[in-house]
Amino acid sequence: MSLQRRLQTTFAQLKEKDETALIAFVTAGDPTPEDTIEIVTALAESGVDAVEIGVPFSDPLADGPAIQASSQRALDGGMTVFRTLETVREIRKRNPDLPLILMTYYNPILHYGLARYAQDAKAAGADAHIVTDLTPEEAHEWKALSEQNDLDTVFLLAPTSTEVRMKIVSELSSGFLYCVSRTGVTGANQNVSDELAGVVSRIKAHSALPVCVGFGVSEPSHVATISHYADGVIVGSALVNLIHQHKTDDNLLPLVRDFALSLKAATKKG
């Protein structure tokens, strides 16, 4: 499957099967780069349709306590942007058809060098990027570099986004649209907002791109609810917590697989 087609092919195949995409988030290098490679491979083997790989950063303002702590642990372990891309390269070797989305902040890639980073991310096997704190209005240079390197650029929308904002973001995004389930930071949540279906419907009125929902999705019941109206569901903090709690256990990978299987089962609408 070609680099720029993995995401599109995956969403098309899932639509034919009447399934919602399950996208998992892990932080590169937490607990170690080698563990990240094994964890992502276990997720893919358990039915996860795409994986977001977080680039560790010292000031992740959009992330809640779980992912902030995970990012700091990875940095303390010596993780860098370069090592993150090397980890992605190894993941790609093991998982040739798995869509890989790098989730980062602007500062690390600016420091690395935008053009160099886009080229190296493509060479490593990434399919798309979410640059959390980069607004569409400020993204022209990054967007151009991404397009030159066959990388999709995913922007975020929130329940508070206006129709004008939705139109702008929809026009500039590629791959899919990321709908934040609530305002604030990432983190496991107890319930899915009753208003979320309406938000997704409003976004879909502006774009034919798949709409994926993240922030606060932590259990199969959340996935099942969101699967009724979204094209994808993103699970992050709950998985990051599971990995941290069992990082020294021999059964870490079986636990990751079981969690992924339970979430994936909830994406099947039939």
C-alpha atoms as a PDB file:
ATOM      1  CA  MET A   1       0.000   0.000   0.000  1.00  0.00           C
ATOM      2  CA  SER A   2       1.559   3.321  -1.028  1.00  0.00           C
ATOM      3  CA  LEU A   3       2.546   5.917   1.522  1.00  0.00           C
ATOM      4  CA  GLN A   4      -0.119   8.481   0.749  1.00  0.00           C
ATOM      5  CA  ARG A   5      -2.916   5.953   0.370  1.00  0.00           C
ATOM      6  CA  ARG A   6      -2.843   4.096   3.685  1.00  0.00           C
ATOM      7  CA  LEU A   7      -5.285   6.368   5.488  1.00  0.00           C
ATOM      8  CA  GLN A   8      -7.659   6.712   2.565  1.00  0.00           C
ATOM      9  CA  THR A   9      -7.630   2.976   1.839  1.00  0.00           C
ATOM     10  CA  THR A  10      -8.246   2.112   5.480  1.00  0.00           C
ATOM     11  CA  PHE A  11     -11.232   4.438   5.812  1.00  0.00           C
ATOM     12  CA  ALA A  12     -12.701   3.177   2.520  1.00  0.00           C
ATOM     13  CA  GLN A  13     -12.356  -0.464   3.563  1.00  0.00           C
ATOM     14  CA  LEU A  14     -13.963   0.204   6.939  1.00  0.00           C
ATOM     15  CA  LYS A  15     -16.849   2.058   5.330  1.00  0.00           C
ATOM     16  CA  GLU A  16     -17.553  -0.981   3.162  1.00  0.00           C
ATOM     17  CA  LYS A  17     -17.643  -3.155   6.293  1.00  0.00           C
ATOM     18  CA  ASP A  18     -19.779  -0.617   8.196  1.00  0.00           C
ATOM     19  CA  GLU A  19     -17.111  -0.225  10.868  1.00  0.00           C
ATOM     20  CA  THR A  20     -15.654   2.816  12.548  1.00  0.00           C
ATOM     21  CA  ALA A  21     -11.881   3.260  12.566  1.00  0.00           C
ATOM     22  CA  LEU A  22     -10.173   2.616  15.881  1.00  0.00           C
ATOM     23  CA  ILE A  23      -7.152   4.880  16.258  1.00  0.00           C
ATOM     24  CA  ALA A  24      -4.845   4.371  19.233  1.00  0.00           C
ATOM     25  CA  PHE A  25      -2.384   6.897  20.661  1.00  0.00           C
ATOM     26  CA  VAL A  26       0.968   6.005  22.206  1.00  0.00           C
ATOM     27  CA  THR A  27       3.883   8.201  23.237  1.00  0.00           C
ATOM     28  CA  ALA A  28       7.107   7.332  21.442  1.00  0.00           C
ATOM     29  CA  GLY A  29       9.649   6.043  23.941  1.00  0.00           C
ATOM     30  CA  ASP A  30       7.343   5.406  26.891  1.00  0.00           C
ATOM     31  CA  PRO A  31       8.510   3.231  28.476  1.00  0.00           C
ATOM     32  CA  THR A  32      11.237   2.632  25.836  1.00  0.00           C
ATOM     33  CA  PRO A  33      11.517   2.889  22.040  1.00  0.00           C
ATOM     34  CA  GLU A  34      11.718  -0.898  21.846  1.00  0.00           C
ATOM     35  CA  ASP A  35       8.538  -1.218  23.900  1.00  0.00           C
ATOM     36  CA  THR A  36       6.786   1.296  21.644  1.00  0.00           C
ATOM     37  CA  ILE A  37       7.582  -0.830  18.592  1.00  0.00           C
ATOM     38  CA  GLU A  38       6.211  -3.962  20.269  1.00  0.00           C
ATOM     39  CA  ILE A  39       3.123  -2.168  21.613  1.00  0.00           C
ATOM     40  CA  VAL A  40       2.193  -0.671  18.237  1.00  0.00           C
ATOM     41  CA  THR A  41       2.652  -4.046  16.573  1.00  0.00           C
ATOM     42  CA  ALA A  42       0.430  -5.668  19.220  1.00  0.00           C
ATOM     43  CA  LEU A  43      -2.212  -2.990  18.642  1.00  0.00           C
ATOM     44  CA  ALA A  44      -2.161  -3.599  14.889  1.00  0.00           C
ATOM     45  CA  GLU A  45      -2.435  -7.354  15.402  1.00  0.00           C
ATOM     46  CA  SER A  46      -5.472  -6.744  17.634  1.00  0.00           C
ATOM     47  CA  GLY A  47      -7.466  -4.816  15.057  1.00  0.00           C
ATOM     48  CA  VAL A  48      -6.424  -1.215  15.655  1.00  0.00           C
ATOM     49  CA  ASP A  49      -6.832   0.529  12.308  1.00  0.00           C
ATOM     50  CA  ALA A  50      -4.316   3.365  12.707  1.00  0.00           C
ATOM     51  CA  VAL A  51      -1.910   4.607  15.358  1.00  0.00           C
ATOM     52  CA  GLU A  52      -1.055   8.113  16.492  1.00  0.00           C
ATOM     53  CA  ILE A  53       2.512   8.313  17.756  1.00  0.00           C
ATOM     54  CA  GLY A  54       3.175  11.207  20.092  1.00  0.00           C
ATOM     55  CA  VAL A  55       6.445  13.097  19.723  1.00  0.00           C
ATOM     56  CA  PRO A  56       7.576  13.783  23.313  1.00  0.00           C
ATOM     57  CA  PHE A  57       7.613  17.477  24.206  1.00  0.00           C
ATOM     58  CA  SER A  58       8.343  19.281  27.467  1.00  0.00           C
ATOM     59  CA  ASP A  59       5.343  21.632  27.328  1.00  0.00           C
ATOM     60  CA  PRO A  60       2.353  19.729  25.865  1.00  0.00           C
ATOM     61  CA  LEU A  61      -0.362  22.256  26.667  1.00  0.00           C
ATOM     62  CA  ALA A  62      -3.242  20.414  24.985  1.00  0.00           C
ATOM     63  CA  ASP A  63      -2.562  17.194  26.867  1.00  0.00           C
ATOM     64  CA  GLY A  64      -3.896  16.143  30.228  1.00  0.00           C
ATOM     65  CA  PRO A  65      -1.904  14.667  33.123  1.00  0.00           C
ATOM     66  CA  ALA A  66      -1.563  11.147  31.693  1.00  0.00           C
ATOM     67  CA  ILE A  67      -0.009  12.144  28.377  1.00  0.00           C
ATOM     68  CA  GLN A  68       2.012  14.986  29.930  1.00  0.00           C
ATOM     69  CA  ALA A  69       3.571  12.496  32.342  1.00  0.00           C
ATOM     70  CA  SER A  70       4.122   9.998  29.538  1.00  0.00           C
ATOM     71  CA  SER A  71       5.873  12.609  27.434  1.00  0.00           C
ATOM     72  CA  GLN A  72       8.109  13.603  30.337  1.00  0.00           C
ATOM     73  CA  ARG A  73       9.026   9.974  31.037  1.00  0.00           C
ATOM     74  CA  ALA A  74      10.047   9.551  27.405  1.00  0.00           C
ATOM     75  CA  LEU A  75      12.146  12.724  27.500  1.00  0.00           C
ATOM     76  CA  ASP A  76      13.774  11.628  30.757  1.00  0.00           C
ATOM     77  CA  GLY A  77      14.641   8.370  29.007  1.00  0.00           C
ATOM     78  CA  GLY A  78      16.495  10.258  26.287  1.00  0.00           C
ATOM     79  CA  MET A  79      13.798  10.409  23.612  1.00  0.00           C
ATOM     80  CA  THR A  80      14.299  13.035  20.914  1.00  0.00           C
ATOM     81  CA  VAL A  81      12.622  13.910  17.629  1.00  0.00           C
ATOM     82  CA  PHE A  82      15.328  11.977  15.788  1.00  0.00           C
ATOM     83  CA  ARG A  83      14.844   8.901  17.981  1.00  0.00           C
ATOM     84  CA  THR A  84      11.093   9.186  17.523  1.00  0.00           C
ATOM     85  CA  LEU A  85      11.512   9.051  13.751  1.00  0.00           C
ATOM     86  CA  GLU A  86      13.871   6.093  14.077  1.00  0.00           C
ATOM     87  CA  THR A  87      11.211   4.348  16.151  1.00  0.00           C
ATOM     88  CA  VAL A  88       8.616   5.101  13.476  1.00  0.00           C
ATOM     89  CA  ARG A  89      10.954   3.630  10.878  1.00  0.00           C
ATOM     90  CA  GLU A  90      11.166   0.359  12.814  1.00  0.00           C
ATOM     91  CA  ILE A  91       7.391   0.293  13.351  1.00  0.00           C
ATOM     92  CA  ARG A  92       6.882   0.756   9.609  1.00  0.00           C
ATOM     93  CA  LYS A  93       9.160  -2.199   8.842  1.00  0.00           C
ATOM     94  CA  ARG A  94       7.019  -4.403  11.079  1.00  0.00           C
ATOM     95  CA  ASN A  95       3.675  -2.958   9.940  1.00  0.00           C
ATOM     96  CA  PRO A  96       3.817  -2.033   6.239  1.00  0.00           C
ATOM     97  CA  ASP A  97       0.088  -1.268   5.832  1.00  0.00           C
ATOM     98  CA  LEU A  98      -0.708   0.402   9.170  1.00  0.00           C
ATOM     99  CA  PRO A  99      -1.488   4.135   8.908  1.00  0.00           C
ATOM    100  CA  LEU A 100       0.876   6.052  11.202  1.00  0.00           C
ATOM    101  CA  ILE A 101       0.037   9.577  12.312  1.00  0.00           C
ATOM    102  CA  LEU A 102       2.626  11.651  14.136  1.00  0.00           C
ATOM    103  CA  MET A 103       1.172  13.928  16.797  1.00  0.00           C
ATOM    104  CA  THR A 104       3.412  16.769  17.831  1.00  0.00           C
ATOM    105  CA  TYR A 105       3.674  20.403  18.784  1.00  0.00           C
ATOM    106  CA  TYR A 106       5.209  23.015  16.527  1.00  0.00           C
ATOM    107  CA  ASN A 107       8.277  23.794  18.628  1.00  0.00           C
ATOM    108  CA  PRO A 108      10.003  20.381  18.267  1.00  0.00           C
ATOM    109  CA  ILE A 109       9.649  20.297  14.485  1.00  0.00           C
ATOM    110  CA  LEU A 110      10.639  23.961  14.138  1.00  0.00           C
ATOM    111  CA  HIS A 111      13.778  23.259  16.160  1.00  0.00           C
ATOM    112  CA  TYR A 112      14.490  20.150  14.055  1.00  0.00           C
ATOM    113  CA  GLY A 113      13.952  22.137  10.842  1.00  0.00           C
ATOM    114  CA  LEU A 114      10.610  22.059   9.041  1.00  0.00           C
ATOM    115  CA  ALA A 115      11.850  20.894   5.640  1.00  0.00           C
ATOM    116  CA  ARG A 116      14.228  18.344   7.125  1.00  0.00           C
ATOM    117  CA  TYR A 117      11.524  17.052   9.443  1.00  0.00           C
ATOM    118  CA  ALA A 118       8.953  16.618   6.672  1.00  0.00           C
ATOM    119  CA  GLN A 119      11.483  14.740   4.545  1.00  0.00           C
ATOM    120  CA  ASP A 120      12.638  12.546   7.431  1.00  0.00           C
ATOM    121  CA  ALA A 121       9.070  11.801   8.537  1.00  0.00           C
ATOM    122  CA  LYS A 122       8.198  10.664   5.030  1.00  0.00           C
ATOM    123  CA  ALA A 123      11.353   8.541   4.828  1.00  0.00           C
ATOM    124  CA  ALA A 124      10.521   6.947   8.185  1.00  0.00           C
ATOM    125  CA  GLY A 125       7.085   5.917   6.938  1.00  0.00           C
ATOM    126  CA  ALA A 126       4.681   8.423   8.478  1.00  0.00           C
ATOM    127  CA  ASP A 127       1.394   9.069   6.684  1.00  0.00           C
ATOM    128  CA  ALA A 128       0.087  12.175   8.417  1.00  0.00           C
ATOM    129  CA  HIS A 129       0.675  14.769  11.098  1.00  0.00           C
ATOM    130  CA  ILE A 130      -1.339  16.482  13.763  1.00  0.00           C
ATOM    131  CA  VAL A 131       0.519  19.605  14.915  1.00  0.00           C
ATOM    132  CA  THR A 132      -1.599  20.370  17.939  1.00  0.00           C
ATOM    133  CA  ASP A 133      -0.790  24.041  18.460  1.00  0.00           C
ATOM    134  CA  LEU A 134      -0.465  25.058  14.803  1.00  0.00           C
ATOM    135  CA  THR A 135      -3.509  26.919  13.512  1.00  0.00           C
ATOM    136  CA  PRO A 136      -4.505  26.730   9.836  1.00  0.00           C
ATOM    137  CA  GLU A 137      -3.760  30.440   9.444  1.00  0.00           C
ATOM    138  CA  GLU A 138      -0.137  29.854  10.494  1.00  0.00           C
ATOM    139  CA  ALA A 139       0.331  26.537   8.722  1.00  0.00           C
ATOM    140  CA  HIS A 140       1.011  27.585   5.121  1.00  0.00           C
ATOM    141  CA  GLU A 141       4.723  26.692   5.139  1.00  0.00           C
ATOM    142  CA  TRP A 142       4.160  23.420   6.972  1.00  0.00           C
ATOM    143  CA  LYS A 143       1.199  22.523   4.769  1.00  0.00           C
ATOM    144  CA  ALA A 144       3.264  23.076   1.613  1.00  0.00           C
ATOM    145  CA  LEU A 145       6.135  20.962   2.932  1.00  0.00           C
ATOM    146  CA  SER A 146       3.715  18.234   3.951  1.00  0.00           C
ATOM    147  CA  GLU A 147       2.155  18.126   0.499  1.00  0.00           C
ATOM    148  CA  GLN A 148       5.595  17.969  -1.116  1.00  0.00           C
ATOM    149  CA  ASN A 149       6.331  14.908   1.000  1.00  0.00           C
ATOM    150  CA  ASP A 150       2.953  13.154   0.636  1.00  0.00           C
ATOM    151  CA  LEU A 151       2.022  13.770   4.270  1.00  0.00           C
ATOM    152  CA  ASP A 152      -1.553  14.507   5.272  1.00  0.00           C
ATOM    153  CA  THR A 153      -2.146  17.413   7.654  1.00  0.00           C
ATOM    154  CA  VAL A 154      -4.910  16.917  10.208  1.00  0.00           C
ATOM    155  CA  PHE A 155      -6.364  19.931  12.017  1.00  0.00           C
ATOM    156  CA  LEU A 156      -8.568  19.946  15.100  1.00  0.00           C
ATOM    157  CA  LEU A 157     -12.116  21.175  15.591  1.00  0.00           C
ATOM    158  CA  ALA A 158     -14.011  21.541  18.863  1.00  0.00           C
ATOM    159  CA  PRO A 159     -17.663  21.704  19.945  1.00  0.00           C
ATOM    160  CA  THR A 160     -17.209  25.475  20.232  1.00  0.00           C
ATOM    161  CA  SER A 161     -15.955  25.872  16.631  1.00  0.00           C
ATOM    162  CA  THR A 162     -18.054  28.230  14.525  1.00  0.00           C
ATOM    163  CA  GLU A 163     -19.379  27.344  11.081  1.00  0.00           C
ATOM    164  CA  VAL A 164     -16.778  29.674   9.562  1.00  0.00           C
ATOM    165  CA  ARG A 165     -14.030  27.900  11.495  1.00  0.00           C
ATOM    166  CA  MET A 166     -15.292  24.498  10.431  1.00  0.00           C
ATOM    167  CA  LYS A 167     -15.235  25.589   6.796  1.00  0.00           C
ATOM    168  CA  ILE A 168     -11.658  26.914   7.012  1.00  0.00           C
ATOM    169  CA  VAL A 169     -10.323  23.833   8.797  1.00  0.00           C
ATOM    170  CA  SER A 170     -12.186  21.468   6.483  1.00  0.00           C
ATOM    171  CA  GLU A 171     -10.692  23.100   3.406  1.00  0.00           C
ATOM    172  CA  LEU A 172      -7.119  22.927   4.718  1.00  0.00           C
ATOM    173  CA  SER A 173      -7.171  19.453   6.281  1.00  0.00           C
ATOM    174  CA  SER A 174      -6.362  16.196   4.537  1.00  0.00           C
ATOM    175  CA  GLY A 175      -6.534  12.584   5.692  1.00  0.00           C
ATOM    176  CA  PHE A 176      -9.295  13.161   8.228  1.00  0.00           C
ATOM    177  CA  LEU A 177     -10.710  15.788  10.568  1.00  0.00           C
ATOM    178  CA  TYR A 178     -10.056  15.512  14.295  1.00  0.00           C
ATOM    179  CA  CYS A 179     -13.099  16.448  16.369  1.00  0.00           C
ATOM    180  CA  VAL A 180     -12.205  17.135  19.985  1.00  0.00           C
ATOM    181  CA  SER A 181     -15.018  15.708  22.119  1.00  0.00           C
ATOM    182  CA  ARG A 182     -14.842  18.582  24.587  1.00  0.00           C
ATOM    183  CA  THR A 183     -12.937  21.770  25.278  1.00  0.00           C
ATOM    184  CA  GLY A 184      -9.877  21.482  27.503  1.00  0.00           C
ATOM    185  CA  VAL A 185      -7.121  18.892  27.541  1.00  0.00           C
ATOM    186  CA  THR A 186      -6.871  15.194  26.791  1.00  0.00           C
ATOM    187  CA  GLY A 187      -7.767  12.650  29.439  1.00  0.00           C
ATOM    188  CA  ALA A 188     -10.077   9.746  30.201  1.00  0.00           C
ATOM    189  CA  ASN A 189     -13.703  10.723  30.679  1.00  0.00           C
ATOM    190  CA  GLN A 190     -16.757   9.142  32.299  1.00  0.00           C
ATOM    191  CA  ASN A 191     -19.351   9.988  29.675  1.00  0.00           C
ATOM    192  CA  VAL A 192     -19.729  11.021  26.054  1.00  0.00           C
ATOM    193  CA  SER A 193     -21.512  14.344  25.571  1.00  0.00           C
ATOM    194  CA  ASP A 194     -25.026  14.088  24.167  1.00  0.00           C
ATOM    195  CA  GLU A 195     -24.211  17.085  21.984  1.00  0.00           C
ATOM    196  CA  LEU A 196     -21.292  15.406  20.210  1.00  0.00           C
ATOM    197  CA  ALA A 197     -23.394  13.795  17.469  1.00  0.00           C
ATOM    198  CA  GLY A 198     -24.647  17.226  16.455  1.00  0.00           C
ATOM    199  CA  VAL A 199     -21.110  18.617  16.375  1.00  0.00           C
ATOM    200  CA  VAL A 200     -19.945  15.802  14.089  1.00  0.00           C
ATOM    201  CA  SER A 201     -22.961  16.349  11.842  1.00  0.00           C
ATOM    202  CA  ARG A 202     -22.106  20.047  11.540  1.00  0.00           C
ATOM    203  CA  ILE A 203     -18.515  19.219  10.594  1.00  0.00           C
ATOM    204  CA  LYS A 204     -19.646  16.685   7.989  1.00  0.00           C
ATOM    205  CA  ALA A 205     -21.743  19.381   6.338  1.00  0.00           C
ATOM    206  CA  HIS A 206     -18.482  21.137   5.423  1.00  0.00           C
ATOM    207  CA  SER A 207     -16.323  18.218   4.296  1.00  0.00           C
ATOM    208  CA  ALA A 208     -16.319  14.762   2.760  1.00  0.00           C
ATOM    209  CA  LEU A 209     -13.273  13.844   4.853  1.00  0.00           C
ATOM    210  CA  PRO A 210     -13.721  11.238   7.596  1.00  0.00           C
ATOM    211  CA  VAL A 211     -14.400  12.761  11.014  1.00  0.00           C
ATOM    212  CA  CYS A 212     -12.661  11.138  13.985  1.00  0.00           C
ATOM    213  CA  VAL A 213     -13.456  11.894  17.617  1.00  0.00           C
ATOM    214  CA  GLY A 214     -10.880  12.002  20.405  1.00  0.00           C
ATOM    215  CA  PHE A 215     -10.243  13.400  23.922  1.00  0.00           C
ATOM    216  CA  GLY A 216     -11.898  11.515  26.767  1.00  0.00           C
ATOM    217  CA  VAL A 217     -12.631   8.258  24.929  1.00  0.00           C
ATOM    218  CA  SER A 218     -11.584   5.544  27.344  1.00  0.00           C
ATOM    219  CA  GLU A 219     -13.821   2.462  27.195  1.00  0.00           C
ATOM    220  CA  PRO A 220     -15.816   0.287  24.775  1.00  0.00           C
ATOM    221  CA  SER A 221     -19.131   1.954  25.643  1.00  0.00           C
ATOM    222  CA  HIS A 222     -17.709   5.323  24.551  1.00  0.00           C
ATOM    223  CA  VAL A 223     -16.474   3.782  21.313  1.00  0.00           C
ATOM    224  CA  ALA A 224     -19.851   2.165  20.624  1.00  0.00           C
ATOM    225  CA  THR A 225     -21.708   5.439  21.157  1.00  0.00           C
ATOM    226  CA  ILE A 226     -19.387   7.512  18.978  1.00  0.00           C
ATOM    227  CA  SER A 227     -19.338   4.839  16.255  1.00  0.00           C
ATOM    228  CA  HIS A 228     -22.981   5.607  15.479  1.00  0.00           C
ATOM    229  CA  TYR A 229     -22.069   8.983  13.963  1.00  0.00           C
ATOM    230  CA  ALA A 230     -18.283   9.330  13.534  1.00  0.00           C
ATOM    231  CA  ASP A 231     -15.898   7.688  11.073  1.00  0.00           C
ATOM    232  CA  GLY A 232     -13.188   7.116  13.649  1.00  0.00           C
ATOM    233  CA  VAL A 233     -12.604   7.001  17.395  1.00  0.00           C
ATOM    234  CA  ILE A 234      -9.291   7.935  19.014  1.00  0.00           C
ATOM    235  CA  VAL A 235      -8.232   6.419  22.342  1.00  0.00           C
ATOM    236  CA  GLY A 236      -5.184   7.906  24.047  1.00  0.00           C
ATOM    237  CA  SER A 237      -4.959   8.525  27.791  1.00  0.00           C
ATOM    238  CA  ALA A 238      -6.610   5.245  28.788  1.00  0.00           C
ATOM    239  CA  LEU A 239      -4.060   3.286  26.759  1.00  0.00           C
ATOM    240  CA  VAL A 240      -1.149   5.419  27.973  1.00  0.00           C
ATOM    241  CA  ASN A 241      -2.247   4.764  31.573  1.00  0.00           C
ATOM    242  CA  LEU A 242      -2.526   1.025  30.939  1.00  0.00           C
ATOM    243  CA  ILE A 243       0.980   0.913  29.492  1.00  0.00           C
ATOM    244  CA  HIS A 244       2.424   2.869  32.413  1.00  0.00           C
ATOM    245  CA  GLN A 245       0.665   0.791  35.063  1.00  0.00           C
ATOM    246  CA  HIS A 246       1.926  -2.480  33.603  1.00  0.00           C
ATOM    247  CA  LYS A 247       5.210  -1.413  31.992  1.00  0.00           C
ATOM    248  CA  THR A 248       7.284  -3.877  34.008  1.00  0.00           C
ATOM    249  CA  ASP A 249       4.772  -6.724  33.843  1.00  0.00           C
ATOM    250  CA  ASP A 250       5.342  -9.774  31.682  1.00  0.00           C
ATOM    251  CA  ASN A 251       1.718  -9.552  30.587  1.00  0.00           C
ATOM    252  CA  LEU A 252       1.887  -5.969  29.263  1.00  0.00           C
ATOM    253  CA  LEU A 253       1.408  -6.958  25.627  1.00  0.00           C
ATOM    254  CA  PRO A 254      -1.476  -9.373  26.339  1.00  0.00           C
ATOM    255  CA  LEU A 255      -3.200  -6.609  28.327  1.00  0.00           C
ATOM    256  CA  VAL A 256      -2.701  -4.157  25.464  1.00  0.00           C
ATOM    257  CA  ARG A 257      -4.104  -6.701  23.014  1.00  0.00           C
ATOM    258  CA  ASP A 258      -7.144  -7.426  25.183  1.00  0.00           C
ATOM    259  CA  PHE A 259      -7.897  -3.721  25.601  1.00  0.00           C
ATOM    260  CA  ALA A 260      -7.569  -3.115  21.864  1.00  0.00           C
ATOM    261  CA  LEU A 261      -9.794  -6.090  21.030  1.00  0.00           C
ATOM    262  CA  SER A 262     -12.512  -4.848  23.391  1.00  0.00           C
ATOM    263  CA  LEU A 263     -12.412  -1.387  21.826  1.00  0.00           C
ATOM    264  CA  LYS A 264     -12.376  -2.700  18.256  1.00  0.00           C
ATOM    265  CA  ALA A 265     -15.380  -4.939  18.906  1.00  0.00           C
ATOM    266  CA  ALA A 266     -17.342  -1.803  19.810  1.00  0.00           C
ATOM    267  CA  THR A 267     -16.672  -0.212  16.396  1.00  0.00           C
ATOM    268  CA  LYS A 268     -18.698  -2.833  14.533  1.00  0.00           C
ATOM    269  CA  LYS A 269     -22.125  -1.404  13.877  1.00  0.00           C
ATOM    270  CA  GLY A 270     -23.811  -4.506  12.471  1.00  0.00           C
END
